[in-house]
């Protein structure tokens, strides 16, 4: 079973998308990389460009709402990390 890792950011448009794509690329055989945001903004084209420069295609990824049912179904997370200092999560 793969270890589930969730990267959180406010907009889920760049940093968390980059982290998701990078982990999937370098260790996708061992980790299930996920990302989400509390105010999804859409995938930033500059993030796609930066990752393309190092040979990683994230163009098919999309911004996901961390409050959506799909994100809530990401049960049994092994780790979660914030990619944004402005992220505020309430219970």
Protein backbone atom coordinates (compact mmCIF):
# COMPACT_ATOMS: atom_id res chain seq x y z
CA UNK A 1 0.00 0.00 0.00
CA UNK A 2 1.29 3.44 -0.90
CA UNK A 3 1.84 6.12 1.73
CA UNK A 4 -0.66 9.00 1.21
CA UNK A 5 0.77 12.52 1.41
CA UNK A 6 -1.40 15.64 1.12
CA UNK A 7 0.06 19.07 0.29
CA UNK A 8 -2.18 21.99 1.30
CA UNK A 9 -2.09 25.57 0.09
CA UNK A 10 -4.58 28.40 -0.07
CA UNK A 11 -5.11 28.42 -3.84
CA UNK A 12 -3.82 24.96 -4.81
CA UNK A 13 -2.48 26.63 -7.93
CA UNK A 14 1.34 26.49 -7.75
CA UNK A 15 3.38 25.34 -4.71
CA UNK A 16 1.15 22.47 -3.64
CA UNK A 17 0.70 21.43 -7.29
CA UNK A 18 4.47 21.45 -7.77
CA UNK A 19 4.96 19.39 -4.61
CA UNK A 20 2.31 16.88 -5.70
CA UNK A 21 3.83 16.52 -9.16
CA UNK A 22 7.40 16.28 -7.90
CA UNK A 23 6.65 13.59 -5.31
CA UNK A 24 4.64 11.63 -7.85
CA UNK A 25 7.55 11.87 -10.30
CA UNK A 26 10.39 10.91 -7.96
CA UNK A 27 8.62 8.39 -5.73
CA UNK A 28 5.21 7.62 -7.23
CA UNK A 29 5.85 3.93 -6.76
CA UNK A 30 5.91 4.42 -2.96
CA UNK A 31 3.74 7.51 -2.36
CA UNK A 32 0.28 8.65 -3.39
CA UNK A 33 0.73 12.40 -3.77
CA UNK A 34 -2.34 14.59 -3.29
CA UNK A 35 -2.88 18.35 -3.10
CA UNK A 36 -5.76 20.64 -2.23
CA UNK A 37 -6.54 24.22 -1.27
CA UNK A 38 -9.09 26.09 0.78
CA UNK A 39 -9.75 28.58 -2.06
CA UNK A 40 -8.81 26.77 -5.31
CA UNK A 41 -7.71 29.19 -8.02
CA UNK A 42 -6.93 26.90 -10.96
CA UNK A 43 -3.58 25.55 -12.05
CA UNK A 44 -1.04 28.34 -12.54
CA UNK A 45 0.51 28.14 -16.04
CA UNK A 46 3.86 29.28 -14.61
CA UNK A 47 3.89 26.22 -12.32
CA UNK A 48 3.34 24.02 -15.38
CA UNK A 49 6.17 25.80 -17.20
CA UNK A 50 8.62 25.51 -14.29
CA UNK A 51 7.95 21.81 -13.90
CA UNK A 52 8.25 21.25 -17.64
CA UNK A 53 11.75 22.76 -17.44
CA UNK A 54 12.82 19.86 -15.20
CA UNK A 55 10.98 17.25 -17.26
CA UNK A 56 7.83 16.84 -15.15
CA UNK A 57 4.39 17.31 -16.72
CA UNK A 58 1.73 18.59 -14.30
CA UNK A 59 -0.50 20.05 -17.02
CA UNK A 60 -3.25 17.49 -16.34
CA UNK A 61 -3.46 18.27 -12.62
CA UNK A 62 -6.26 20.51 -11.43
CA UNK A 63 -6.97 22.65 -8.38
CA UNK A 64 -8.97 20.79 -5.77
CA UNK A 65 -11.01 22.13 -2.88
CA UNK A 66 -9.78 20.71 0.42
CA UNK A 67 -13.33 20.88 1.71
CA UNK A 68 -14.82 18.81 -1.12
CA UNK A 69 -16.08 15.29 -0.65
CA UNK A 70 -13.22 13.93 -2.77
CA UNK A 71 -10.63 15.54 -0.52
CA UNK A 72 -12.46 14.39 2.61
CA UNK A 73 -12.33 10.87 1.18
CA UNK A 74 -8.53 11.00 1.29
CA UNK A 75 -8.64 8.88 4.40
CA UNK A 76 -5.68 7.33 6.15
CA UNK A 77 -3.26 10.09 5.28
CA UNK A 78 0.26 9.37 6.42
CA UNK A 79 1.38 12.98 6.20
CA UNK A 80 0.08 16.43 5.38
CA UNK A 81 2.09 19.57 4.82
CA UNK A 82 1.29 23.23 4.25
CA UNK A 83 2.92 24.97 1.31
CA UNK A 84 1.57 28.38 2.29
CA UNK A 85 2.12 30.52 5.37
CA UNK A 86 -1.36 32.10 5.01
CA UNK A 87 -3.21 28.79 5.24
CA UNK A 88 -5.79 28.83 8.01
CA UNK A 89 -7.70 25.63 8.66
CA UNK A 90 -10.63 25.60 11.03
CA UNK A 91 -12.32 22.53 12.45
